[in-house]
Amino acid sequence: MARVTFELEAAEQYARLPAQIKSRVITIITRLENWPEVSGAKPLRGKLAGRYRIRTGDYRLQFYVKGEEVIIERVGHRDGFYEE
């Protein structure tokens, strides 16, 4: 069972989400605790290689895995999610 943590920026992004979306993100976090047996997680390519994304409706979570830890680094709406 993996431990799921937020980077500081992701925690701030999560705090700004609407309440309904927050509850959906909590469901995803619970699923990520079972890494690598998680359905719906897709590996990213290009400069984001080594990272994954999982979606819930129009919202995305971007994360990477380090040992037994899943680290969420971005949370947000799909519009412009992959742009910097």
N, C-alpha and C. Protein backbone atom coordinates (compact mmCIF):
# COMPACT_ATOMS: atom_id res chain seq x y z
N MET A 1 0.85 -1.19 0.00
CA MET A 1 0.00 0.00 0.00
C MET A 1 0.89 1.24 0.00
N ALA A 2 0.63 2.14 -0.89
CA ALA A 2 1.44 3.36 -1.05
C ALA A 2 0.93 4.48 -0.15
N ARG A 3 1.84 5.36 0.19
CA ARG A 3 1.48 6.57 0.94
C ARG A 3 1.32 7.70 -0.07
N VAL A 4 0.23 8.44 0.00
CA VAL A 4 -0.04 9.53 -0.93
C VAL A 4 0.19 10.86 -0.22
N THR A 5 1.02 11.72 -0.84
CA THR A 5 1.30 13.04 -0.28
C THR A 5 1.12 14.11 -1.36
N PHE A 6 0.97 15.34 -0.91
CA PHE A 6 0.84 16.49 -1.80
C PHE A 6 2.12 17.31 -1.72
N GLU A 7 2.57 17.82 -2.87
CA GLU A 7 3.57 18.89 -2.85
C GLU A 7 2.83 20.15 -2.43
N LEU A 8 3.56 21.15 -1.96
CA LEU A 8 2.95 22.37 -1.44
C LEU A 8 2.02 23.03 -2.46
N GLU A 9 2.47 23.17 -3.70
CA GLU A 9 1.65 23.82 -4.73
C GLU A 9 0.36 23.04 -4.98
N ALA A 10 0.45 21.72 -5.01
CA ALA A 10 -0.73 20.88 -5.22
C ALA A 10 -1.70 21.01 -4.05
N ALA A 11 -1.20 21.11 -2.84
CA ALA A 11 -2.06 21.28 -1.66
C ALA A 11 -2.81 22.61 -1.74
N GLU A 12 -2.12 23.65 -2.21
CA GLU A 12 -2.78 24.95 -2.37
C GLU A 12 -3.83 24.90 -3.47
N GLN A 13 -3.52 24.20 -4.57
CA GLN A 13 -4.49 24.06 -5.65
C GLN A 13 -5.71 23.28 -5.17
N TYR A 14 -5.48 22.24 -4.40
CA TYR A 14 -6.57 21.43 -3.85
C TYR A 14 -7.47 22.29 -2.95
N ALA A 15 -6.87 23.14 -2.13
CA ALA A 15 -7.63 23.98 -1.20
C ALA A 15 -8.57 24.94 -1.93
N ARG A 16 -8.23 25.31 -3.16
CA ARG A 16 -9.06 26.25 -3.92
C ARG A 16 -10.16 25.58 -4.73
N LEU A 17 -10.22 24.25 -4.72
CA LEU A 17 -11.22 23.54 -5.50
C LEU A 17 -12.61 23.67 -4.88
N PRO A 18 -13.67 23.58 -5.72
CA PRO A 18 -15.03 23.53 -5.17
C PRO A 18 -15.21 22.27 -4.31
N ALA A 19 -16.09 22.34 -3.33
CA ALA A 19 -16.29 21.24 -2.38
C ALA A 19 -16.62 19.91 -3.08
N GLN A 20 -17.45 19.95 -4.10
CA GLN A 20 -17.83 18.72 -4.80
C GLN A 20 -16.61 18.06 -5.46
N ILE A 21 -15.74 18.86 -6.04
CA ILE A 21 -14.54 18.33 -6.68
C ILE A 21 -13.57 17.80 -5.63
N LYS A 22 -13.47 18.48 -4.49
CA LYS A 22 -12.60 18.00 -3.41
C LYS A 22 -12.97 16.58 -3.00
N SER A 23 -14.26 16.30 -2.90
CA SER A 23 -14.67 14.95 -2.49
C SER A 23 -14.29 13.93 -3.56
N ARG A 24 -14.36 14.32 -4.83
CA ARG A 24 -13.94 13.41 -5.90
C ARG A 24 -12.44 13.18 -5.88
N VAL A 25 -11.67 14.21 -5.53
CA VAL A 25 -10.22 14.07 -5.43
C VAL A 25 -9.87 13.13 -4.27
N ILE A 26 -10.59 13.23 -3.17
CA ILE A 26 -10.36 12.33 -2.03
C ILE A 26 -10.57 10.88 -2.47
N THR A 27 -11.57 10.63 -3.30
CA THR A 27 -11.81 9.28 -3.82
C THR A 27 -10.62 8.81 -4.64
N ILE A 28 -10.06 9.68 -5.45
CA ILE A 28 -8.88 9.32 -6.25
C ILE A 28 -7.68 9.05 -5.35
N ILE A 29 -7.50 9.84 -4.31
CA ILE A 29 -6.39 9.63 -3.39
C ILE A 29 -6.50 8.25 -2.74
N THR A 30 -7.70 7.88 -2.37
CA THR A 30 -7.93 6.55 -1.80
C THR A 30 -7.55 5.47 -2.80
N ARG A 31 -7.88 5.67 -4.07
CA ARG A 31 -7.50 4.71 -5.11
C ARG A 31 -6.00 4.66 -5.29
N LEU A 32 -5.33 5.81 -5.22
CA LEU A 32 -3.88 5.87 -5.43
C LEU A 32 -3.12 5.14 -4.31
N GLU A 33 -3.73 4.98 -3.15
CA GLU A 33 -3.09 4.23 -2.07
C GLU A 33 -2.84 2.78 -2.47
N ASN A 34 -3.56 2.30 -3.48
CA ASN A 34 -3.40 0.93 -3.96
C ASN A 34 -2.44 0.84 -5.15
N TRP A 35 -1.61 1.86 -5.33
CA TRP A 35 -0.66 1.87 -6.45
C TRP A 35 0.21 0.62 -6.39
N PRO A 36 0.43 -0.09 -7.47
CA PRO A 36 0.20 0.22 -8.88
C PRO A 36 -1.10 -0.35 -9.44
N GLU A 37 -1.96 -0.92 -8.60
CA GLU A 37 -3.22 -1.48 -9.09
C GLU A 37 -4.29 -0.40 -9.21
N VAL A 38 -4.00 0.65 -9.96
CA VAL A 38 -4.91 1.78 -10.13
C VAL A 38 -5.34 1.86 -11.58
N SER A 39 -6.64 1.81 -11.82
CA SER A 39 -7.12 1.95 -13.19
C SER A 39 -7.29 3.43 -13.52
N GLY A 40 -7.09 3.77 -14.77
CA GLY A 40 -7.32 5.13 -15.22
C GLY A 40 -6.11 6.04 -15.16
N ALA A 41 -5.01 5.62 -14.56
CA ALA A 41 -3.80 6.44 -14.51
C ALA A 41 -3.04 6.26 -15.82
N LYS A 42 -2.69 7.37 -16.44
CA LYS A 42 -1.99 7.30 -17.72
C LYS A 42 -0.62 7.94 -17.60
N PRO A 43 0.40 7.29 -18.15
CA PRO A 43 1.74 7.90 -18.13
C PRO A 43 1.79 9.09 -19.08
N LEU A 44 2.50 10.12 -18.68
CA LEU A 44 2.66 11.30 -19.52
C LEU A 44 3.93 11.14 -20.35
N ARG A 45 3.99 11.91 -21.43
CA ARG A 45 5.13 11.80 -22.35
C ARG A 45 5.86 13.13 -22.46
N GLY A 46 6.92 13.11 -23.24
CA GLY A 46 7.69 14.33 -23.49
C GLY A 46 8.39 14.80 -22.23
N LYS A 47 8.32 16.11 -21.98
CA LYS A 47 9.02 16.67 -20.82
C LYS A 47 8.39 16.24 -19.50
N LEU A 48 7.20 15.64 -19.55
CA LEU A 48 6.54 15.15 -18.34
C LEU A 48 6.70 13.63 -18.18
N ALA A 49 7.58 13.04 -18.94
CA ALA A 49 7.82 11.60 -18.85
C ALA A 49 8.21 11.24 -17.42
N GLY A 50 7.72 10.10 -16.95
CA GLY A 50 7.97 9.68 -15.58
C GLY A 50 6.87 10.10 -14.63
N ARG A 51 5.93 10.88 -15.14
CA ARG A 51 4.79 11.32 -14.35
C ARG A 51 3.53 10.68 -14.92
N TYR A 52 2.48 10.73 -14.12
CA TYR A 52 1.19 10.17 -14.52
C TYR A 52 0.10 11.20 -14.30
N ARG A 53 -1.02 10.96 -14.93
CA ARG A 53 -2.20 11.78 -14.67
C ARG A 53 -3.39 10.85 -14.50
N ILE A 54 -4.30 11.31 -13.67
CA ILE A 54 -5.57 10.61 -13.50
C ILE A 54 -6.64 11.69 -13.49
N ARG A 55 -7.79 11.38 -14.05
CA ARG A 55 -8.81 12.41 -14.17
C ARG A 55 -10.08 12.05 -13.43
N THR A 56 -10.81 13.09 -13.09
CA THR A 56 -12.15 12.96 -12.55
C THR A 56 -12.97 14.08 -13.18
N GLY A 57 -13.81 13.71 -14.12
CA GLY A 57 -14.56 14.72 -14.86
C GLY A 57 -13.62 15.64 -15.61
N ASP A 58 -13.75 16.94 -15.40
CA ASP A 58 -12.91 17.92 -16.08
C ASP A 58 -11.65 18.27 -15.29
N TYR A 59 -11.39 17.59 -14.20
CA TYR A 59 -10.24 17.88 -13.35
C TYR A 59 -9.18 16.78 -13.47
N ARG A 60 -7.93 17.18 -13.27
CA ARG A 60 -6.80 16.26 -13.40
C ARG A 60 -5.91 16.34 -12.17
N LEU A 61 -5.29 15.20 -11.87
CA LEU A 61 -4.23 15.13 -10.86
C LEU A 61 -3.00 14.63 -11.57
N GLN A 62 -1.90 15.33 -11.41
CA GLN A 62 -0.62 14.90 -11.98
C GLN A 62 0.25 14.45 -10.81
N PHE A 63 0.86 13.27 -10.97
CA PHE A 63 1.64 12.73 -9.87
C PHE A 63 2.81 11.91 -10.39
N TYR A 64 3.72 11.61 -9.48
CA TYR A 64 4.82 10.70 -9.78
C TYR A 64 5.00 9.75 -8.61
N VAL A 65 5.70 8.67 -8.86
CA VAL A 65 5.89 7.64 -7.84
C VAL A 65 7.36 7.59 -7.47
N LYS A 66 7.62 7.60 -6.18
CA LYS A 66 8.99 7.53 -5.66
C LYS A 66 9.01 6.46 -4.57
N GLY A 67 9.47 5.28 -4.93
CA GLY A 67 9.47 4.17 -3.99
C GLY A 67 8.05 3.75 -3.66
N GLU A 68 7.71 3.80 -2.38
CA GLU A 68 6.37 3.44 -1.92
C GLU A 68 5.47 4.67 -1.74
N GLU A 69 5.88 5.80 -2.30
CA GLU A 69 5.15 7.04 -2.12
C GLU A 69 4.63 7.56 -3.46
N VAL A 70 3.36 7.96 -3.48
CA VAL A 70 2.76 8.62 -4.64
C VAL A 70 2.68 10.10 -4.28
N ILE A 71 3.32 10.94 -5.08
CA ILE A 71 3.40 12.37 -4.78
C ILE A 71 2.60 13.15 -5.81
N ILE A 72 1.55 13.80 -5.34
CA ILE A 72 0.70 14.61 -6.21
C ILE A 72 1.35 15.98 -6.34
N GLU A 73 1.60 16.38 -7.60
CA GLU A 73 2.28 17.66 -7.80
C GLU A 73 1.41 18.73 -8.45
N ARG A 74 0.29 18.36 -9.02
CA ARG A 74 -0.63 19.36 -9.60
C ARG A 74 -2.05 18.85 -9.51
N VAL A 75 -2.98 19.77 -9.27
CA VAL A 75 -4.40 19.47 -9.26
C VAL A 75 -5.07 20.65 -9.95
N GLY A 76 -5.93 20.36 -10.93
CA GLY A 76 -6.60 21.48 -11.58
C GLY A 76 -7.54 21.09 -12.69
N HIS A 77 -8.17 22.10 -13.24
CA HIS A 77 -9.11 21.94 -14.36
C HIS A 77 -8.32 21.60 -15.61
N ARG A 78 -8.94 20.85 -16.49
CA ARG A 78 -8.23 20.38 -17.69
C ARG A 78 -7.80 21.52 -18.61
N ASP A 79 -8.51 22.65 -18.60
CA ASP A 79 -8.14 23.79 -19.46
C ASP A 79 -6.76 24.31 -19.05
N GLY A 80 -5.80 24.15 -19.90
CA GLY A 80 -4.46 24.65 -19.63
C GLY A 80 -3.68 23.86 -18.59
N PHE A 81 -4.16 22.67 -18.26
CA PHE A 81 -3.52 21.89 -17.18
C PHE A 81 -2.08 21.54 -17.53
N TYR A 82 -1.79 21.22 -18.77
CA TYR A 82 -0.46 20.76 -19.14
C TYR A 82 0.44 21.90 -19.62
N GLU A 83 -0.06 23.11 -19.61
CA GLU A 83 0.75 24.27 -20.00
C GLU A 83 1.43 24.84 -18.77
N GLU A 84 2.54 25.47 -18.95
CA GLU A 84 3.25 26.04 -17.81
C GLU A 84 3.17 27.53 -17.82
